[in-house]
Amino acid sequence: DMHIEVSRPPATADLQSGMTSAQMKEIVLQADRYRS
């Protein structure tokens, strides 16, 4: 279904970790309840 380009970020980029697995899972569970 999905073809995802994973590029190498430039060395000057301000790299942030972003969301944790716990935060992402909470979003997934909310969407899953909506789908159910």
PDB file of all heavy atoms in Angstrom:
ATOM      1  N   ASP A   1       0.803  -1.223   0.000  1.00  0.00           N
ATOM      2  CA  ASP A   1       0.000   0.000   0.000  1.00  0.00           C
ATOM      3  C   ASP A   1       0.834   1.270   0.000  1.00  0.00           C
ATOM      4  O   ASP A   1       0.467   2.261  -0.640  1.00  0.00           O
ATOM      5  CB  ASP A   1      -0.925   0.035   1.228  1.00  0.00           C
ATOM      6  CG  ASP A   1      -1.819  -1.187   1.327  1.00  0.00           C
ATOM      7  OD1 ASP A   1      -1.801  -2.002   0.397  1.00  0.00           O
ATOM      8  OD2 ASP A   1      -2.538  -1.322   2.328  1.00  0.00           O
ATOM      9  N   MET A   2       1.950   1.258   0.746  1.00  0.00           N
ATOM     10  CA  MET A   2       2.693   2.491   0.995  1.00  0.00           C
ATOM     11  C   MET A   2       4.153   2.323   0.618  1.00  0.00           C
ATOM     12  O   MET A   2       4.809   1.362   1.047  1.00  0.00           O
ATOM     13  CB  MET A   2       2.584   2.882   2.480  1.00  0.00           C
ATOM     14  CG  MET A   2       1.153   2.920   3.000  1.00  0.00           C
ATOM     15  SD  MET A   2       1.066   3.215   4.785  1.00  0.00           S
ATOM     16  CE  MET A   2       1.539   4.941   4.834  1.00  0.00           C
ATOM     17  N   HIS A   3       4.667   3.237  -0.192  1.00  0.00           N
ATOM     18  CA  HIS A   3       6.072   3.253  -0.591  1.00  0.00           C
ATOM     19  C   HIS A   3       6.691   4.506   0.026  1.00  0.00           C
ATOM     20  O   HIS A   3       6.384   5.616  -0.391  1.00  0.00           O
ATOM     21  CB  HIS A   3       6.212   3.269  -2.106  1.00  0.00           C
ATOM     22  CG  HIS A   3       5.362   2.245  -2.798  1.00  0.00           C
ATOM     23  ND1 HIS A   3       4.820   2.457  -4.054  1.00  0.00           N
ATOM     24  CD2 HIS A   3       4.955   1.022  -2.406  1.00  0.00           C
ATOM     25  CE1 HIS A   3       4.125   1.393  -4.404  1.00  0.00           C
ATOM     26  NE2 HIS A   3       4.185   0.515  -3.420  1.00  0.00           N
ATOM     27  N   ILE A   4       7.548   4.322   1.001  1.00  0.00           N
ATOM     28  CA  ILE A   4       8.015   5.442   1.818  1.00  0.00           C
ATOM     29  C   ILE A   4       9.493   5.696   1.555  1.00  0.00           C
ATOM     30  O   ILE A   4      10.327   4.798   1.710  1.00  0.00           O
ATOM     31  CB  ILE A   4       7.805   5.143   3.318  1.00  0.00           C
ATOM     32  CG1 ILE A   4       6.333   4.789   3.569  1.00  0.00           C
ATOM     33  CG2 ILE A   4       8.230   6.323   4.184  1.00  0.00           C
ATOM     34  CD1 ILE A   4       6.109   4.104   4.889  1.00  0.00           C
ATOM     35  N   GLU A   5       9.806   6.909   1.144  1.00  0.00           N
ATOM     36  CA  GLU A   5      11.196   7.320   0.949  1.00  0.00           C
ATOM     37  C   GLU A   5      11.784   7.742   2.302  1.00  0.00           C
ATOM     38  O   GLU A   5      11.248   8.633   2.959  1.00  0.00           O
ATOM     39  CB  GLU A   5      11.263   8.491  -0.024  1.00  0.00           C
ATOM     40  CG  GLU A   5      10.871   8.144  -1.444  1.00  0.00           C
ATOM     41  CD  GLU A   5      12.018   7.534  -2.234  1.00  0.00           C
ATOM     42  OE1 GLU A   5      13.142   7.462  -1.684  1.00  0.00           O
ATOM     43  OE2 GLU A   5      11.803   7.140  -3.392  1.00  0.00           O
ATOM     44  N   VAL A   6      12.843   7.071   2.696  1.00  0.00           N
ATOM     45  CA  VAL A   6      13.530   7.407   3.951  1.00  0.00           C
ATOM     46  C   VAL A   6      14.878   8.017   3.569  1.00  0.00           C
ATOM     47  O   VAL A   6      15.836   7.306   3.271  1.00  0.00           O
ATOM     48  CB  VAL A   6      13.716   6.165   4.850  1.00  0.00           C
ATOM     49  CG1 VAL A   6      14.337   6.556   6.189  1.00  0.00           C
ATOM     50  CG2 VAL A   6      12.376   5.470   5.074  1.00  0.00           C
ATOM     51  N   SER A   7      14.922   9.329   3.547  1.00  0.00           N
ATOM     52  CA  SER A   7      16.118  10.026   3.098  1.00  0.00           C
ATOM     53  C   SER A   7      17.069  10.289   4.264  1.00  0.00           C
ATOM     54  O   SER A   7      16.664  10.316   5.432  1.00  0.00           O
ATOM     55  CB  SER A   7      15.747  11.363   2.435  1.00  0.00           C
ATOM     56  OG  SER A   7      14.873  11.148   1.345  1.00  0.00           O
ATOM     57  N   ARG A   8      18.328  10.506   3.913  1.00  0.00           N
ATOM     58  CA  ARG A   8      19.310  10.870   4.925  1.00  0.00           C
ATOM     59  C   ARG A   8      19.179  12.367   5.214  1.00  0.00           C
ATOM     60  O   ARG A   8      19.296  13.196   4.306  1.00  0.00           O
ATOM     61  CB  ARG A   8      20.723  10.542   4.427  1.00  0.00           C
ATOM     62  CG  ARG A   8      21.821  10.861   5.429  1.00  0.00           C
ATOM     63  CD  ARG A   8      23.143  10.375   4.910  1.00  0.00           C
ATOM     64  NE  ARG A   8      23.408  10.909   3.576  1.00  0.00           N
ATOM     65  CZ  ARG A   8      24.389  10.476   2.798  1.00  0.00           C
ATOM     66  NH1 ARG A   8      25.144   9.485   3.189  1.00  0.00           N
ATOM     67  NH2 ARG A   8      24.583  11.022   1.605  1.00  0.00           N
ATOM     68  N   PRO A   9      18.929  12.764   6.477  1.00  0.00           N
ATOM     69  CA  PRO A   9      18.788  14.197   6.776  1.00  0.00           C
ATOM     70  C   PRO A   9      20.123  14.907   6.655  1.00  0.00           C
ATOM     71  O   PRO A   9      21.184  14.307   6.886  1.00  0.00           O
ATOM     72  CB  PRO A   9      18.282  14.195   8.226  1.00  0.00           C
ATOM     73  CG  PRO A   9      18.756  12.911   8.801  1.00  0.00           C
ATOM     74  CD  PRO A   9      18.758  11.927   7.669  1.00  0.00           C
ATOM     75  N   PRO A  10      20.114  16.169   6.266  1.00  0.00           N
ATOM     76  CA  PRO A  10      21.375  16.910   6.168  1.00  0.00           C
ATOM     77  C   PRO A  10      22.026  17.091   7.532  1.00  0.00           C
ATOM     78  O   PRO A  10      21.346  17.114   8.565  1.00  0.00           O
ATOM     79  CB  PRO A  10      20.943  18.255   5.579  1.00  0.00           C
ATOM     80  CG  PRO A  10      19.492  18.379   5.900  1.00  0.00           C
ATOM     81  CD  PRO A  10      18.950  16.976   5.872  1.00  0.00           C
ATOM     82  N   ALA A  11      23.337  17.219   7.520  1.00  0.00           N
ATOM     83  CA  ALA A  11      24.078  17.324   8.779  1.00  0.00           C
ATOM     84  C   ALA A  11      23.708  18.580   9.550  1.00  0.00           C
ATOM     85  O   ALA A  11      23.840  18.634  10.775  1.00  0.00           O
ATOM     86  CB  ALA A  11      25.582  17.305   8.502  1.00  0.00           C
ATOM     87  N   THR A  12      23.209  19.607   8.856  1.00  0.00           N
ATOM     88  CA  THR A  12      22.881  20.871   9.517  1.00  0.00           C
ATOM     89  C   THR A  12      21.470  20.876  10.100  1.00  0.00           C
ATOM     90  O   THR A  12      21.069  21.846  10.739  1.00  0.00           O
ATOM     91  CB  THR A  12      22.998  22.023   8.511  1.00  0.00           C
ATOM     92  OG1 THR A  12      22.140  21.764   7.394  1.00  0.00           O
ATOM     93  CG2 THR A  12      24.430  22.170   8.032  1.00  0.00           C
ATOM     94  N   ALA A  13      20.717  19.804   9.875  1.00  0.00           N
ATOM     95  CA  ALA A  13      19.326  19.772  10.331  1.00  0.00           C
ATOM     96  C   ALA A  13      19.272  19.691  11.850  1.00  0.00           C
ATOM     97  O   ALA A  13      20.108  19.065  12.497  1.00  0.00           O
ATOM     98  CB  ALA A  13      18.606  18.574   9.716  1.00  0.00           C
ATOM     99  N   ASP A  14      18.260  20.311  12.418  1.00  0.00           N
ATOM    100  CA  ASP A  14      18.015  20.235  13.846  1.00  0.00           C
ATOM    101  C   ASP A  14      17.164  18.989  14.104  1.00  0.00           C
ATOM    102  O   ASP A  14      15.943  19.009  13.932  1.00  0.00           O
ATOM    103  CB  ASP A  14      17.302  21.497  14.328  1.00  0.00           C
ATOM    104  CG  ASP A  14      17.087  21.497  15.841  1.00  0.00           C
ATOM    105  OD1 ASP A  14      17.753  20.688  16.511  1.00  0.00           O
ATOM    106  OD2 ASP A  14      16.256  22.282  16.317  1.00  0.00           O
ATOM    107  N   LEU A  15      17.821  17.914  14.478  1.00  0.00           N
ATOM    108  CA  LEU A  15      17.136  16.640  14.610  1.00  0.00           C
ATOM    109  C   LEU A  15      16.400  16.564  15.946  1.00  0.00           C
ATOM    110  O   LEU A  15      17.000  16.724  17.009  1.00  0.00           O
ATOM    111  CB  LEU A  15      18.128  15.482  14.500  1.00  0.00           C
ATOM    112  CG  LEU A  15      18.864  15.362  13.158  1.00  0.00           C
ATOM    113  CD1 LEU A  15      19.830  14.196  13.192  1.00  0.00           C
ATOM    114  CD2 LEU A  15      17.868  15.189  12.019  1.00  0.00           C
ATOM    115  N   GLN A  16      15.105  16.315  15.878  1.00  0.00           N
ATOM    116  CA  GLN A  16      14.290  16.133  17.062  1.00  0.00           C
ATOM    117  C   GLN A  16      13.711  14.717  17.033  1.00  0.00           C
ATOM    118  O   GLN A  16      13.400  14.172  15.972  1.00  0.00           O
ATOM    119  CB  GLN A  16      13.149  17.157  17.102  1.00  0.00           C
ATOM    120  CG  GLN A  16      13.620  18.605  17.119  1.00  0.00           C
ATOM    121  CD  GLN A  16      14.308  18.965  18.429  1.00  0.00           C
ATOM    122  OE1 GLN A  16      13.978  18.403  19.470  1.00  0.00           O
ATOM    123  NE2 GLN A  16      15.256  19.880  18.366  1.00  0.00           N
ATOM    124  N   SER A  17      13.565  14.114  18.195  1.00  0.00           N
ATOM    125  CA  SER A  17      13.049  12.751  18.247  1.00  0.00           C
ATOM    126  C   SER A  17      11.564  12.678  17.934  1.00  0.00           C
ATOM    127  O   SER A  17      11.071  11.683  17.430  1.00  0.00           O
ATOM    128  CB  SER A  17      13.310  12.140  19.631  1.00  0.00           C
ATOM    129  OG  SER A  17      12.661  12.904  20.641  1.00  0.00           O
ATOM    130  N   GLY A  18      10.819  13.749  18.206  1.00  0.00           N
ATOM    131  CA  GLY A  18       9.390  13.733  17.922  1.00  0.00           C
ATOM    132  C   GLY A  18       8.630  12.889  18.927  1.00  0.00           C
ATOM    133  O   GLY A  18       9.023  12.752  20.081  1.00  0.00           O
ATOM    134  N   MET A  19       7.517  12.293  18.487  1.00  0.00           N
ATOM    135  CA  MET A  19       6.649  11.539  19.389  1.00  0.00           C
ATOM    136  C   MET A  19       7.288  10.226  19.821  1.00  0.00           C
ATOM    137  O   MET A  19       8.026   9.590  19.071  1.00  0.00           O
ATOM    138  CB  MET A  19       5.310  11.248  18.707  1.00  0.00           C
ATOM    139  CG  MET A  19       4.421  12.460  18.541  1.00  0.00           C
ATOM    140  SD  MET A  19       2.762  12.011  17.958  1.00  0.00           S
ATOM    141  CE  MET A  19       3.144  11.365  16.330  1.00  0.00           C
ATOM    142  N   THR A  20       6.969   9.818  21.035  1.00  0.00           N
ATOM    143  CA  THR A  20       7.411   8.525  21.548  1.00  0.00           C
ATOM    144  C   THR A  20       6.421   7.450  21.109  1.00  0.00           C
ATOM    145  O   THR A  20       5.328   7.746  20.607  1.00  0.00           O
ATOM    146  CB  THR A  20       7.496   8.544  23.072  1.00  0.00           C
ATOM    147  OG1 THR A  20       6.172   8.756  23.611  1.00  0.00           O
ATOM    148  CG2 THR A  20       8.423   9.659  23.561  1.00  0.00           C
ATOM    149  N   SER A  21       6.785   6.192  21.333  1.00  0.00           N
ATOM    150  CA  SER A  21       5.885   5.090  20.992  1.00  0.00           C
ATOM    151  C   SER A  21       4.587   5.169  21.792  1.00  0.00           C
ATOM    152  O   SER A  21       3.504   4.860  21.272  1.00  0.00           O
ATOM    153  CB  SER A  21       6.571   3.746  21.245  1.00  0.00           C
ATOM    154  OG  SER A  21       7.594   3.518  20.292  1.00  0.00           O
ATOM    155  N   ALA A  22       4.664   5.568  23.061  1.00  0.00           N
ATOM    156  CA  ALA A  22       3.463   5.671  23.888  1.00  0.00           C
ATOM    157  C   ALA A  22       2.498   6.716  23.329  1.00  0.00           C
ATOM    158  O   ALA A  22       1.274   6.490  23.287  1.00  0.00           O
ATOM    159  CB  ALA A  22       3.849   6.019  25.328  1.00  0.00           C
ATOM    160  N   GLN A  23       3.036   7.848  22.876  1.00  0.00           N
ATOM    161  CA  GLN A  23       2.183   8.883  22.309  1.00  0.00           C
ATOM    162  C   GLN A  23       1.572   8.431  20.984  1.00  0.00           C
ATOM    163  O   GLN A  23       0.389   8.667  20.711  1.00  0.00           O
ATOM    164  CB  GLN A  23       2.998  10.169  22.101  1.00  0.00           C
ATOM    165  CG  GLN A  23       3.447  10.820  23.397  1.00  0.00           C
ATOM    166  CD  GLN A  23       4.438  11.941  23.161  1.00  0.00           C
ATOM    167  OE1 GLN A  23       5.262  11.879  22.237  1.00  0.00           O
ATOM    168  NE2 GLN A  23       4.371  12.971  23.992  1.00  0.00           N
ATOM    169  N   MET A  24       2.374   7.764  20.160  1.00  0.00           N
ATOM    170  CA  MET A  24       1.864   7.279  18.882  1.00  0.00           C
ATOM    171  C   MET A  24       0.812   6.195  19.095  1.00  0.00           C
ATOM    172  O   MET A  24      -0.195   6.147  18.382  1.00  0.00           O
ATOM    173  CB  MET A  24       3.020   6.755  18.036  1.00  0.00           C
ATOM    174  CG  MET A  24       4.010   7.840  17.601  1.00  0.00           C
ATOM    175  SD  MET A  24       5.452   7.182  16.717  1.00  0.00           S
ATOM    176  CE  MET A  24       4.716   6.680  15.166  1.00  0.00           C
ATOM    177  N   LYS A  25       1.016   5.339  20.087  1.00  0.00           N
ATOM    178  CA  LYS A  25       0.047   4.266  20.333  1.00  0.00           C
ATOM    179  C   LYS A  25      -1.284   4.835  20.793  1.00  0.00           C
ATOM    180  O   LYS A  25      -2.349   4.314  20.425  1.00  0.00           O
ATOM    181  CB  LYS A  25       0.586   3.283  21.370  1.00  0.00           C
ATOM    182  CG  LYS A  25      -0.304   2.064  21.561  1.00  0.00           C
ATOM    183  CD  LYS A  25       0.382   0.966  22.322  1.00  0.00           C
ATOM    184  CE  LYS A  25      -0.478  -0.297  22.357  1.00  0.00           C
ATOM    185  NZ  LYS A  25       0.215  -1.425  23.009  1.00  0.00           N
ATOM    186  N   GLU A  26      -1.268   5.885  21.575  1.00  0.00           N
ATOM    187  CA  GLU A  26      -2.519   6.501  22.017  1.00  0.00           C
ATOM    188  C   GLU A  26      -3.297   7.042  20.827  1.00  0.00           C
ATOM    189  O   GLU A  26      -4.528   6.903  20.758  1.00  0.00           O
ATOM    190  CB  GLU A  26      -2.217   7.626  23.013  1.00  0.00           C
ATOM    191  CG  GLU A  26      -3.456   8.303  23.579  1.00  0.00           C
ATOM    192  CD  GLU A  26      -4.395   7.325  24.272  1.00  0.00           C
ATOM    193  OE1 GLU A  26      -3.912   6.344  24.867  1.00  0.00           O
ATOM    194  OE2 GLU A  26      -5.618   7.547  24.185  1.00  0.00           O
ATOM    195  N   ILE A  27      -2.601   7.640  19.868  1.00  0.00           N
ATOM    196  CA  ILE A  27      -3.265   8.129  18.649  1.00  0.00           C
ATOM    197  C   ILE A  27      -3.848   6.953  17.862  1.00  0.00           C
ATOM    198  O   ILE A  27      -4.975   7.023  17.347  1.00  0.00           O
ATOM    199  CB  ILE A  27      -2.268   8.923  17.784  1.00  0.00           C
ATOM    200  CG1 ILE A  27      -1.800  10.180  18.522  1.00  0.00           C
ATOM    201  CG2 ILE A  27      -2.890   9.299  16.437  1.00  0.00           C
ATOM    202  CD1 ILE A  27      -0.692  10.936  17.812  1.00  0.00           C
ATOM    203  N   VAL A  28      -3.078   5.860  17.768  1.00  0.00           N
ATOM    204  CA  VAL A  28      -3.547   4.673  17.047  1.00  0.00           C
ATOM    205  C   VAL A  28      -4.796   4.102  17.713  1.00  0.00           C
ATOM    206  O   VAL A  28      -5.762   3.721  17.030  1.00  0.00           O
ATOM    207  CB  VAL A  28      -2.429   3.615  16.982  1.00  0.00           C
ATOM    208  CG1 VAL A  28      -2.973   2.286  16.458  1.00  0.00           C
ATOM    209  CG2 VAL A  28      -1.287   4.090  16.090  1.00  0.00           C
ATOM    210  N   LEU A  29      -4.805   4.029  19.039  1.00  0.00           N
ATOM    211  CA  LEU A  29      -5.947   3.459  19.753  1.00  0.00           C
ATOM    212  C   LEU A  29      -7.202   4.315  19.556  1.00  0.00           C
ATOM    213  O   LEU A  29      -8.310   3.783  19.416  1.00  0.00           O
ATOM    214  CB  LEU A  29      -5.625   3.323  21.239  1.00  0.00           C
ATOM    215  CG  LEU A  29      -4.561   2.283  21.607  1.00  0.00           C
ATOM    216  CD1 LEU A  29      -4.281   2.292  23.097  1.00  0.00           C
ATOM    217  CD2 LEU A  29      -4.995   0.888  21.161  1.00  0.00           C
ATOM    218  N   GLN A  30      -7.049   5.637  19.558  1.00  0.00           N
ATOM    219  CA  GLN A  30      -8.195   6.507  19.319  1.00  0.00           C
ATOM    220  C   GLN A  30      -8.765   6.287  17.918  1.00  0.00           C
ATOM    221  O   GLN A  30      -9.989   6.182  17.740  1.00  0.00           O
ATOM    222  CB  GLN A  30      -7.777   7.976  19.495  1.00  0.00           C
ATOM    223  CG  GLN A  30      -7.472   8.379  20.925  1.00  0.00           C
ATOM    224  CD  GLN A  30      -7.001   9.811  21.028  1.00  0.00           C
ATOM    225  OE1 GLN A  30      -6.975  10.557  20.037  1.00  0.00           O
ATOM    226  NE2 GLN A  30      -6.599  10.219  22.227  1.00  0.00           N
ATOM    227  N   ALA A  31      -7.876   6.204  16.924  1.00  0.00           N
ATOM    228  CA  ALA A  31      -8.334   5.954  15.555  1.00  0.00           C
ATOM    229  C   ALA A  31      -8.953   4.567  15.427  1.00  0.00           C
ATOM    230  O   ALA A  31      -9.930   4.380  14.694  1.00  0.00           O
ATOM    231  CB  ALA A  31      -7.169   6.108  14.582  1.00  0.00           C
ATOM    232  N   ASP A  32      -8.396   3.593  16.150  1.00  0.00           N
ATOM    233  CA  ASP A  32      -8.922   2.226  16.092  1.00  0.00           C
ATOM    234  C   ASP A  32     -10.327   2.164  16.672  1.00  0.00           C
ATOM    235  O   ASP A  32     -11.188   1.441  16.157  1.00  0.00           O
ATOM    236  CB  ASP A  32      -7.982   1.283  16.845  1.00  0.00           C
ATOM    237  CG  ASP A  32      -8.364  -0.177  16.676  1.00  0.00           C
ATOM    238  OD1 ASP A  32      -8.322  -0.664  15.528  1.00  0.00           O
ATOM    239  OD2 ASP A  32      -8.717  -0.832  17.680  1.00  0.00           O
ATOM    240  N   ARG A  33     -10.560   2.891  17.752  1.00  0.00           N
ATOM    241  CA  ARG A  33     -11.912   2.934  18.331  1.00  0.00           C
ATOM    242  C   ARG A  33     -12.897   3.569  17.358  1.00  0.00           C
ATOM    243  O   ARG A  33     -14.050   3.131  17.239  1.00  0.00           O
ATOM    244  CB  ARG A  33     -11.892   3.683  19.667  1.00  0.00           C
ATOM    245  CG  ARG A  33     -11.244   2.916  20.802  1.00  0.00           C
ATOM    246  CD  ARG A  33     -11.490   3.588  22.135  1.00  0.00           C
ATOM    247  NE  ARG A  33     -10.736   4.827  22.267  1.00  0.00           N
ATOM    248  CZ  ARG A  33      -9.523   4.907  22.811  1.00  0.00           C
ATOM    249  NH1 ARG A  33      -8.922   3.820  23.266  1.00  0.00           N
ATOM    250  NH2 ARG A  33      -8.915   6.065  22.910  1.00  0.00           N
ATOM    251  N   TYR A  34     -12.438   4.594  16.654  1.00  0.00           N
ATOM    252  CA  TYR A  34     -13.291   5.257  15.664  1.00  0.00           C
ATOM    253  C   TYR A  34     -13.617   4.291  14.519  1.00  0.00           C
ATOM    254  O   TYR A  34     -14.765   4.229  14.049  1.00  0.00           O
ATOM    255  CB  TYR A  34     -12.581   6.509  15.139  1.00  0.00           C
ATOM    256  CG  TYR A  34     -13.399   7.356  14.205  1.00  0.00           C
ATOM    257  CD1 TYR A  34     -14.345   8.245  14.701  1.00  0.00           C
ATOM    258  CD2 TYR A  34     -13.226   7.279  12.821  1.00  0.00           C
ATOM    259  CE1 TYR A  34     -15.102   9.031  13.844  1.00  0.00           C
ATOM    260  CE2 TYR A  34     -13.982   8.059  11.958  1.00  0.00           C
ATOM    261  CZ  TYR A  34     -14.916   8.937  12.484  1.00  0.00           C
ATOM    262  OH  TYR A  34     -15.665   9.704  11.639  1.00  0.00           O
ATOM    263  N   ARG A  35     -12.621   3.534  14.062  1.00  0.00           N
ATOM    264  CA  ARG A  35     -12.834   2.542  12.994  1.00  0.00           C
ATOM    265  C   ARG A  35     -13.771   1.437  13.463  1.00  0.00           C
ATOM    266  O   ARG A  35     -14.615   0.944  12.697  1.00  0.00           O
ATOM    267  CB  ARG A  35     -11.503   1.936  12.557  1.00  0.00           C
ATOM    268  CG  ARG A  35     -10.626   2.860  11.757  1.00  0.00           C
ATOM    269  CD  ARG A  35      -9.252   2.233  11.529  1.00  0.00           C
ATOM    270  NE  ARG A  35      -9.319   1.078  10.663  1.00  0.00           N
ATOM    271  CZ  ARG A  35      -9.222   1.115   9.339  1.00  0.00           C
ATOM    272  NH1 ARG A  35      -9.086   2.274   8.718  1.00  0.00           N
ATOM    273  NH2 ARG A  35      -9.264   0.009   8.627  1.00  0.00           N
ATOM    274  N   SER A  36     -13.608   0.997  14.708  1.00  0.00           N
ATOM    275  CA  SER A  36     -14.447  -0.085  15.232  1.00  0.00           C
ATOM    276  C   SER A  36     -15.913   0.316  15.244  1.00  0.00           C
ATOM    277  O   SER A  36     -16.797  -0.497  14.929  1.00  0.00           O
ATOM    278  CB  SER A  36     -13.990  -0.465  16.643  1.00  0.00           C
ATOM    279  OG  SER A  36     -12.663  -0.958  16.629  1.00  0.00           O
TER     280      SER A  36
END
